[in-house]
Every structure is written in C-alpha cells, then in structure tokens.
Amino acid sequence: MATFTVAIDGPAAAGKGTIGRAIANHFGFEHLDTGLLYRAVAKLMLDGGWLGEGEERKAAKIAEGLCLEDTQIDGLRTAEVGRASSRFAAMPSVRRALISFQRQFSRREGGAVLDGRDISSVIAPDSEVKLFVTASEVVRADRRYQELKRLGGQISYNEVLNDLRERDARDTERGLAALRKVNDALLLDTSDLTIEQATSQAITAVSERMGHEK
C-alpha cells in the first residue's frame, strides 16, 4: 500500500484517540494524535513561563520546531495543559506552523491515522476514510474526569464538565479551522457503545473502504 489516510475528528473525550490507535494497530498504520502537538506547545510554554505579552509569537516558534517525539513529553494530559492547548490552537500562527507537519504525516507510505478537530476539513480533506466521533457532554465529562483521577489530578467532576463546555465552545466557534462534521464523514456516536463496539464499527468502515480501493 502506498498511502491510505483515515481522518478522525470530534470533540474532547469522545473516544477518537482510542479508536484511532485501534485502527492503526489493526491495519499496521501509523497514528498521530494531533491534539498532542498543541498540548506539547502548551506544556513547553507553561514550563518556560512564557504566557502573556508576545506569547503567540513564542508559541509559533515552538510549533515550528516540534517533532513526533515531542508528543511523548510527560504531563501532556493534565487539565491545565488541556485548557492552554485549546487557547493556543486558536492562534493562527501556531496552527499554520503545525499544518505542514500534519499534512506530511497524513500521506506517509503504509497508511496513516490522524485524529483531531480539523483533520477532515483542513489537514487531509482527501482522506480515504473520514470519521466524526462524538458522545454526549455528560458521558465525555465523566470519561475525562476518570482519566484525570487515574493521573492523580485534583479536580472535581463539575470543574471537568465546565472545562469541557468551554473547550467545546472555543473549538466550534473559533474562526480558524473550527470543529465541524464534513458532509462525507461517517458519524460515530459512542455515548452508548463500549470501546470494543466503537472500534469494531470504525474498523469495519475502514475495511469496507479499503475493499473499494482495490
């Protein structure tokens, strides 16, 4: 196989990352959680104490120098980093700096799976498979709350729910690369699905498309 791209979009804690990894493992594709790129920028900005005046310029410079290994930095999944990453993701210069990286990854030989907010609409609009993964905000908030508890975070469920609502608003209302479902994306609502059921449906969709490509 030369190239085959699976684009997965959806709001926070919908399950798109887990589904993306499952698809990649099943088919032997490479996987990129694009949200970790923005989280890496946010973490480096927070660690450097570079918030405030001139922060967008500094964040864009960091974004230009990111590599795949930066998505493995410790501490990327904290609530603080998540809030900051959503803010930096709305900055045009930061997004521009990361677009080329993501587009190159999306057409890598052997297949690629990318999940994020604007993969189908901006990064890889010609993807062979497009999925929009979502779930109710209550389900998503509980998933994120349980995840943060496992990571040792000291945060209440209501705080998580409020953070998620604020992030949803930023992601869907920003003028640049807003989160939306494109017309040819398959909608996968995971609210009432086990992870096994959700990944099975996604893998079936990819398999069917691969069959059509042959």
C-alpha atoms as a PDB file:
ATOM      1  CA  MET A   1       0.000   0.000   0.000  1.00  0.00           C
ATOM      2  CA  ALA A   2       1.330   3.433  -0.899  1.00  0.00           C
ATOM      3  CA  THR A   3      -0.841   5.856   1.047  1.00  0.00           C
ATOM      4  CA  PHE A   4      -4.182   5.498   2.814  1.00  0.00           C
ATOM      5  CA  THR A   5      -5.415   8.133   5.232  1.00  0.00           C
ATOM      6  CA  VAL A   6      -8.005   7.823   7.990  1.00  0.00           C
ATOM      7  CA  ALA A   7      -9.131  11.207   9.329  1.00  0.00           C
ATOM      8  CA  ILE A   8     -10.920  11.254  12.682  1.00  0.00           C
ATOM      9  CA  ASP A   9     -12.480  14.393  14.123  1.00  0.00           C
ATOM     10  CA  GLY A  10     -14.593  15.067  17.168  1.00  0.00           C
ATOM     11  CA  PRO A  11     -14.862  16.910  20.486  1.00  0.00           C
ATOM     12  CA  ALA A  12     -12.770  16.233  23.573  1.00  0.00           C
ATOM     13  CA  ALA A  13     -13.127  12.849  25.299  1.00  0.00           C
ATOM     14  CA  ALA A  14     -15.357  11.375  22.591  1.00  0.00           C
ATOM     15  CA  GLY A  15     -13.038   8.389  22.149  1.00  0.00           C
ATOM     16  CA  LYS A  16     -11.389   9.359  18.873  1.00  0.00           C
ATOM     17  CA  GLY A  17      -7.853   8.804  20.173  1.00  0.00           C
ATOM     18  CA  THR A  18      -8.621   5.303  21.406  1.00  0.00           C
ATOM     19  CA  ILE A  19     -10.392   4.487  18.150  1.00  0.00           C
ATOM     20  CA  GLY A  20      -7.536   5.960  16.116  1.00  0.00           C
ATOM     21  CA  ARG A  21      -4.953   3.821  17.922  1.00  0.00           C
ATOM     22  CA  ALA A  22      -7.109   0.708  17.465  1.00  0.00           C
ATOM     23  CA  ILE A  23      -7.443   1.313  13.721  1.00  0.00           C
ATOM     24  CA  ALA A  24      -3.702   1.915  13.401  1.00  0.00           C
ATOM     25  CA  ASN A  25      -2.861  -1.265  15.309  1.00  0.00           C
ATOM     26  CA  HIS A  26      -5.344  -3.351  13.330  1.00  0.00           C
ATOM     27  CA  PHE A  27      -4.125  -2.269   9.893  1.00  0.00           C
ATOM     28  CA  GLY A  28      -0.477  -1.549  10.692  1.00  0.00           C
ATOM     29  CA  PHE A  29      -0.860   2.191  10.033  1.00  0.00           C
ATOM     30  CA  GLU A  30       0.997   4.995  11.813  1.00  0.00           C
ATOM     31  CA  HIS A  31      -1.085   7.042  14.253  1.00  0.00           C
ATOM     32  CA  LEU A  32      -0.915  10.717  15.193  1.00  0.00           C
ATOM     33  CA  ASP A  33      -2.984  12.301  17.934  1.00  0.00           C
ATOM     34  CA  THR A  34      -2.732  15.844  16.593  1.00  0.00           C
ATOM     35  CA  GLY A  35      -4.059  17.272  19.843  1.00  0.00           C
ATOM     36  CA  LEU A  36      -0.778  16.221  21.462  1.00  0.00           C
ATOM     37  CA  LEU A  37       1.064  18.602  19.158  1.00  0.00           C
ATOM     38  CA  TYR A  38      -0.887  21.509  20.597  1.00  0.00           C
ATOM     39  CA  ARG A  39      -0.544  20.102  24.103  1.00  0.00           C
ATOM     40  CA  ALA A  40       3.222  19.919  23.599  1.00  0.00           C
ATOM     41  CA  VAL A  41       3.289  23.589  22.605  1.00  0.00           C
ATOM     42  CA  ALA A  42       1.190  24.459  25.661  1.00  0.00           C
ATOM     43  CA  LYS A  43       3.353  22.378  28.026  1.00  0.00           C
ATOM     44  CA  LEU A  44       6.576  23.950  26.775  1.00  0.00           C
ATOM     45  CA  MET A  45       5.042  27.425  27.032  1.00  0.00           C
ATOM     46  CA  LEU A  46       3.835  26.762  30.581  1.00  0.00           C
ATOM     47  CA  ASP A  47       7.145  25.250  31.656  1.00  0.00           C
ATOM     48  CA  GLY A  48       9.016  28.222  30.244  1.00  0.00           C
ATOM     49  CA  GLY A  49       6.745  30.742  31.917  1.00  0.00           C
ATOM     50  CA  TRP A  50       6.160  32.389  28.560  1.00  0.00           C
ATOM     51  CA  LEU A  51       2.471  33.262  28.909  1.00  0.00           C
ATOM     52  CA  GLY A  52       1.479  36.875  28.433  1.00  0.00           C
ATOM     53  CA  GLU A  53       2.799  39.533  26.100  1.00  0.00           C
ATOM     54  CA  GLY A  54       4.242  38.072  22.908  1.00  0.00           C
ATOM     55  CA  GLU A  55       3.056  34.552  23.725  1.00  0.00           C
ATOM     56  CA  GLU A  56       1.662  33.812  20.257  1.00  0.00           C
ATOM     57  CA  ARG A  57       4.989  34.612  18.599  1.00  0.00           C
ATOM     58  CA  LYS A  58       6.845  32.380  21.046  1.00  0.00           C
ATOM     59  CA  ALA A  59       4.282  29.576  20.714  1.00  0.00           C
ATOM     60  CA  ALA A  60       4.532  29.676  16.913  1.00  0.00           C
ATOM     61  CA  LYS A  61       8.321  29.383  17.110  1.00  0.00           C
ATOM     62  CA  ILE A  62       7.993  26.341  19.370  1.00  0.00           C
ATOM     63  CA  ALA A  63       5.425  24.827  16.991  1.00  0.00           C
ATOM     64  CA  GLU A  64       7.782  25.246  14.040  1.00  0.00           C
ATOM     65  CA  GLY A  65      10.407  23.149  15.797  1.00  0.00           C
ATOM     66  CA  LEU A  66       8.184  20.327  17.054  1.00  0.00           C
ATOM     67  CA  CYS A  67       8.862  16.704  16.115  1.00  0.00           C
ATOM     68  CA  LEU A  68       6.914  13.490  16.646  1.00  0.00           C
ATOM     69  CA  GLU A  69       8.890  12.685  19.798  1.00  0.00           C
ATOM     70  CA  ASP A  70       7.515  15.832  21.458  1.00  0.00           C
ATOM     71  CA  THR A  71       4.096  14.170  21.611  1.00  0.00           C
ATOM     72  CA  GLN A  72       5.581  11.799  24.212  1.00  0.00           C
ATOM     73  CA  ILE A  73       6.552  14.514  26.720  1.00  0.00           C
ATOM     74  CA  ASP A  74       5.417  13.719  30.262  1.00  0.00           C
ATOM     75  CA  GLY A  75       2.486  15.699  31.632  1.00  0.00           C
ATOM     76  CA  LEU A  76       0.687  16.441  28.382  1.00  0.00           C
ATOM     77  CA  ARG A  77      -2.698  15.194  29.573  1.00  0.00           C
ATOM     78  CA  THR A  78      -3.222  17.368  32.624  1.00  0.00           C
ATOM     79  CA  ALA A  79      -6.269  19.647  32.850  1.00  0.00           C
ATOM     80  CA  GLU A  80      -4.049  22.754  32.904  1.00  0.00           C
ATOM     81  CA  VAL A  81      -2.243  21.771  29.710  1.00  0.00           C
ATOM     82  CA  GLY A  82      -5.563  20.879  28.070  1.00  0.00           C
ATOM     83  CA  ARG A  83      -7.006  24.317  28.751  1.00  0.00           C
ATOM     84  CA  ALA A  84      -3.879  26.058  27.491  1.00  0.00           C
ATOM     85  CA  SER A  85      -3.641  23.911  24.365  1.00  0.00           C
ATOM     86  CA  SER A  86      -7.159  24.835  23.300  1.00  0.00           C
ATOM     87  CA  ARG A  87      -6.221  28.514  23.565  1.00  0.00           C
ATOM     88  CA  PHE A  88      -3.002  28.108  21.579  1.00  0.00           C
ATOM     89  CA  ALA A  89      -4.820  26.029  18.957  1.00  0.00           C
ATOM     90  CA  ALA A  90      -6.975  29.063  18.189  1.00  0.00           C
ATOM     91  CA  MET A  91      -3.888  31.155  17.321  1.00  0.00           C
ATOM     92  CA  PRO A  92      -3.458  31.383  13.511  1.00  0.00           C
ATOM     93  CA  SER A  93       0.354  31.395  13.537  1.00  0.00           C
ATOM     94  CA  VAL A  94       0.503  28.301  15.737  1.00  0.00           C
ATOM     95  CA  ARG A  95      -1.922  26.403  13.522  1.00  0.00           C
ATOM     96  CA  ARG A  96      -0.045  27.397  10.373  1.00  0.00           C
ATOM     97  CA  ALA A  97       3.210  26.160  11.870  1.00  0.00           C
ATOM     98  CA  LEU A  98       1.734  22.706  12.502  1.00  0.00           C
ATOM     99  CA  ILE A  99      -0.291  22.247   9.297  1.00  0.00           C
ATOM    100  CA  SER A 100       2.667  21.204   7.142  1.00  0.00           C
ATOM    101  CA  PHE A 101       3.811  18.645   9.709  1.00  0.00           C
ATOM    102  CA  GLN A 102       0.351  17.076   9.887  1.00  0.00           C
ATOM    103  CA  ARG A 103      -0.172  17.032   6.118  1.00  0.00           C
ATOM    104  CA  GLN A 104       3.153  15.309   5.527  1.00  0.00           C
ATOM    105  CA  PHE A 105       2.287  12.720   8.163  1.00  0.00           C
ATOM    106  CA  SER A 106      -1.135  12.108   6.615  1.00  0.00           C
ATOM    107  CA  ARG A 107       0.344  10.925   3.293  1.00  0.00           C
ATOM    108  CA  ARG A 108       3.144   8.783   4.666  1.00  0.00           C
ATOM    109  CA  GLU A 109       3.659   5.445   2.969  1.00  0.00           C
ATOM    110  CA  GLY A 110       1.990   2.457   4.569  1.00  0.00           C
ATOM    111  CA  GLY A 111      -1.094   4.296   5.839  1.00  0.00           C
ATOM    112  CA  ALA A 112      -1.793   6.951   8.463  1.00  0.00           C
ATOM    113  CA  VAL A 113      -4.475   7.663  11.040  1.00  0.00           C
ATOM    114  CA  LEU A 114      -4.837  11.198  12.381  1.00  0.00           C
ATOM    115  CA  ASP A 115      -7.311  12.368  14.991  1.00  0.00           C
ATOM    116  CA  GLY A 116      -8.094  15.929  15.985  1.00  0.00           C
ATOM    117  CA  ARG A 117     -10.529  18.756  15.273  1.00  0.00           C
ATOM    118  CA  ASP A 118      -9.860  19.773  11.665  1.00  0.00           C
ATOM    119  CA  ILE A 119      -8.365  16.691  10.006  1.00  0.00           C
ATOM    120  CA  SER A 120     -11.194  16.087   7.517  1.00  0.00           C
ATOM    121  CA  SER A 121     -11.848  19.752   6.821  1.00  0.00           C
ATOM    122  CA  VAL A 122      -8.338  21.266   6.696  1.00  0.00           C
ATOM    123  CA  ILE A 123      -5.440  18.857   7.144  1.00  0.00           C
ATOM    124  CA  ALA A 124      -6.453  15.924   4.945  1.00  0.00           C
ATOM    125  CA  PRO A 125      -9.712  16.682   3.099  1.00  0.00           C
ATOM    126  CA  ASP A 126      -8.926  13.956   0.538  1.00  0.00           C
ATOM    127  CA  SER A 127      -8.673  11.208   3.170  1.00  0.00           C
ATOM    128  CA  GLU A 128      -9.929   7.812   2.065  1.00  0.00           C
ATOM    129  CA  VAL A 129     -11.927   7.452   5.305  1.00  0.00           C
ATOM    130  CA  LYS A 130     -13.409  10.244   7.425  1.00  0.00           C
ATOM    131  CA  LEU A 131     -14.962   9.622  10.822  1.00  0.00           C
ATOM    132  CA  PHE A 132     -16.665  12.085  13.157  1.00  0.00           C
ATOM    133  CA  VAL A 133     -16.593  10.597  16.652  1.00  0.00           C
ATOM    134  CA  THR A 134     -18.779  12.174  19.301  1.00  0.00           C
ATOM    135  CA  ALA A 135     -20.680  11.469  22.535  1.00  0.00           C
ATOM    136  CA  SER A 136     -22.946  13.382  24.911  1.00  0.00           C
ATOM    137  CA  GLU A 137     -21.213  16.002  27.037  1.00  0.00           C
ATOM    138  CA  VAL A 138     -22.136  14.147  30.253  1.00  0.00           C
ATOM    139  CA  VAL A 139     -20.504  10.945  29.011  1.00  0.00           C
ATOM    140  CA  ARG A 140     -17.445  12.820  27.764  1.00  0.00           C
ATOM    141  CA  ALA A 141     -17.063  14.745  31.017  1.00  0.00           C
ATOM    142  CA  ASP A 142     -17.205  11.526  33.044  1.00  0.00           C
ATOM    143  CA  ARG A 143     -14.593   9.895  30.802  1.00  0.00           C
ATOM    144  CA  ARG A 144     -12.229  12.848  31.165  1.00  0.00           C
ATOM    145  CA  TYR A 145     -12.853  13.025  34.929  1.00  0.00           C
ATOM    146  CA  GLN A 146     -11.992   9.330  35.341  1.00  0.00           C
ATOM    147  CA  GLU A 147      -8.876   9.789  33.203  1.00  0.00           C
ATOM    148  CA  LEU A 148      -7.668  12.746  35.259  1.00  0.00           C
ATOM    149  CA  LYS A 149      -8.341  10.860  38.506  1.00  0.00           C
ATOM    150  CA  ARG A 150      -6.165   7.982  37.261  1.00  0.00           C
ATOM    151  CA  LEU A 151      -3.432  10.519  36.552  1.00  0.00           C
ATOM    152  CA  GLY A 152      -3.701  11.828  40.109  1.00  0.00           C
ATOM    153  CA  GLY A 153      -5.392  15.099  39.219  1.00  0.00           C
ATOM    154  CA  GLN A 154      -7.154  17.041  41.989  1.00  0.00           C
ATOM    155  CA  ILE A 155     -10.241  18.249  40.143  1.00  0.00           C
ATOM    156  CA  SER A 156     -13.980  17.811  40.609  1.00  0.00           C
ATOM    157  CA  TYR A 157     -16.432  16.426  38.071  1.00  0.00           C
ATOM    158  CA  ASN A 158     -18.172  19.810  37.817  1.00  0.00           C
ATOM    159  CA  GLU A 159     -14.856  21.505  37.061  1.00  0.00           C
ATOM    160  CA  VAL A 160     -14.192  18.961  34.328  1.00  0.00           C
ATOM    161  CA  LEU A 161     -17.682  19.465  32.876  1.00  0.00           C
ATOM    162  CA  ASN A 162     -17.279  23.254  32.845  1.00  0.00           C
ATOM    163  CA  ASP A 163     -13.834  22.970  31.257  1.00  0.00           C
ATOM    164  CA  LEU A 164     -15.239  20.663  28.587  1.00  0.00           C
ATOM    165  CA  ARG A 165     -18.104  23.041  27.804  1.00  0.00           C
ATOM    166  CA  GLU A 166     -15.687  25.951  27.483  1.00  0.00           C
ATOM    167  CA  ARG A 167     -13.414  23.919  25.232  1.00  0.00           C
ATOM    168  CA  ASP A 168     -16.329  22.818  23.049  1.00  0.00           C
ATOM    169  CA  ALA A 169     -17.302  26.470  22.633  1.00  0.00           C
ATOM    170  CA  ARG A 170     -13.763  27.502  21.673  1.00  0.00           C
ATOM    171  CA  ASP A 171     -13.351  24.595  19.263  1.00  0.00           C
ATOM    172  CA  THR A 172     -16.661  25.090  17.457  1.00  0.00           C
ATOM    173  CA  GLU A 173     -16.823  28.886  17.456  1.00  0.00           C
ATOM    174  CA  ARG A 174     -13.269  29.837  16.520  1.00  0.00           C
ATOM    175  CA  GLY A 175     -12.929  31.387  13.094  1.00  0.00           C
ATOM    176  CA  LEU A 176      -9.947  29.290  12.086  1.00  0.00           C
ATOM    177  CA  ALA A 177     -10.364  25.529  11.491  1.00  0.00           C
ATOM    178  CA  ALA A 178     -13.417  25.191  13.712  1.00  0.00           C
ATOM    179  CA  LEU A 179     -14.566  21.731  14.748  1.00  0.00           C
ATOM    180  CA  ARG A 180     -17.312  20.523  12.412  1.00  0.00           C
ATOM    181  CA  LYS A 181     -18.536  17.373  10.728  1.00  0.00           C
ATOM    182  CA  VAL A 182     -17.855  17.376   6.988  1.00  0.00           C
ATOM    183  CA  ASN A 183     -20.604  16.019   4.741  1.00  0.00           C
ATOM    184  CA  ASP A 184     -18.845  12.795   3.752  1.00  0.00           C
ATOM    185  CA  ALA A 185     -17.735  11.796   7.264  1.00  0.00           C
ATOM    186  CA  LEU A 186     -19.283   8.788   8.974  1.00  0.00           C
ATOM    187  CA  LEU A 187     -20.889   9.799  12.274  1.00  0.00           C
ATOM    188  CA  LEU A 188     -19.954   7.512  15.173  1.00  0.00           C
ATOM    189  CA  ASP A 189     -21.733   8.350  18.445  1.00  0.00           C
ATOM    190  CA  THR A 190     -20.012   6.455  21.259  1.00  0.00           C
ATOM    191  CA  SER A 191     -22.341   7.558  24.073  1.00  0.00           C
ATOM    192  CA  ASP A 192     -23.904   4.115  24.479  1.00  0.00           C
ATOM    193  CA  LEU A 193     -21.126   1.993  22.967  1.00  0.00           C
ATOM    194  CA  THR A 194     -18.391   0.033  24.663  1.00  0.00           C
ATOM    195  CA  ILE A 195     -14.924   0.753  23.361  1.00  0.00           C
ATOM    196  CA  GLU A 196     -14.961  -2.669  21.701  1.00  0.00           C
ATOM    197  CA  GLN A 197     -18.192  -1.851  19.868  1.00  0.00           C
ATOM    198  CA  ALA A 198     -16.969   1.589  18.803  1.00  0.00           C
ATOM    199  CA  THR A 199     -13.633   0.335  17.488  1.00  0.00           C
ATOM    200  CA  SER A 200     -15.322  -2.566  15.707  1.00  0.00           C
ATOM    201  CA  GLN A 201     -17.623  -0.195  13.816  1.00  0.00           C
ATOM    202  CA  ALA A 202     -14.699   2.040  12.888  1.00  0.00           C
ATOM    203  CA  ILE A 203     -12.535  -0.860  11.707  1.00  0.00           C
ATOM    204  CA  THR A 204     -15.422  -2.180   9.619  1.00  0.00           C
ATOM    205  CA  ALA A 205     -15.801   1.219   7.927  1.00  0.00           C
ATOM    206  CA  VAL A 206     -12.094   1.303   7.075  1.00  0.00           C
ATOM    207  CA  SER A 207     -12.139  -2.302   5.818  1.00  0.00           C
ATOM    208  CA  GLU A 208     -15.069  -1.580   3.525  1.00  0.00           C
ATOM    209  CA  ARG A 209     -13.323   1.441   2.069  1.00  0.00           C
ATOM    210  CA  MET A 210     -10.084  -0.480   1.565  1.00  0.00           C
ATOM    211  CA  GLY A 211     -12.071  -3.106  -0.315  1.00  0.00           C
ATOM    212  CA  HIS A 212     -13.418  -0.421  -2.645  1.00  0.00           C
ATOM    213  CA  GLU A 213      -9.891   0.890  -3.222  1.00  0.00           C
ATOM    214  CA  LYS A 214      -8.629  -2.464  -4.516  1.00  0.00           C
END
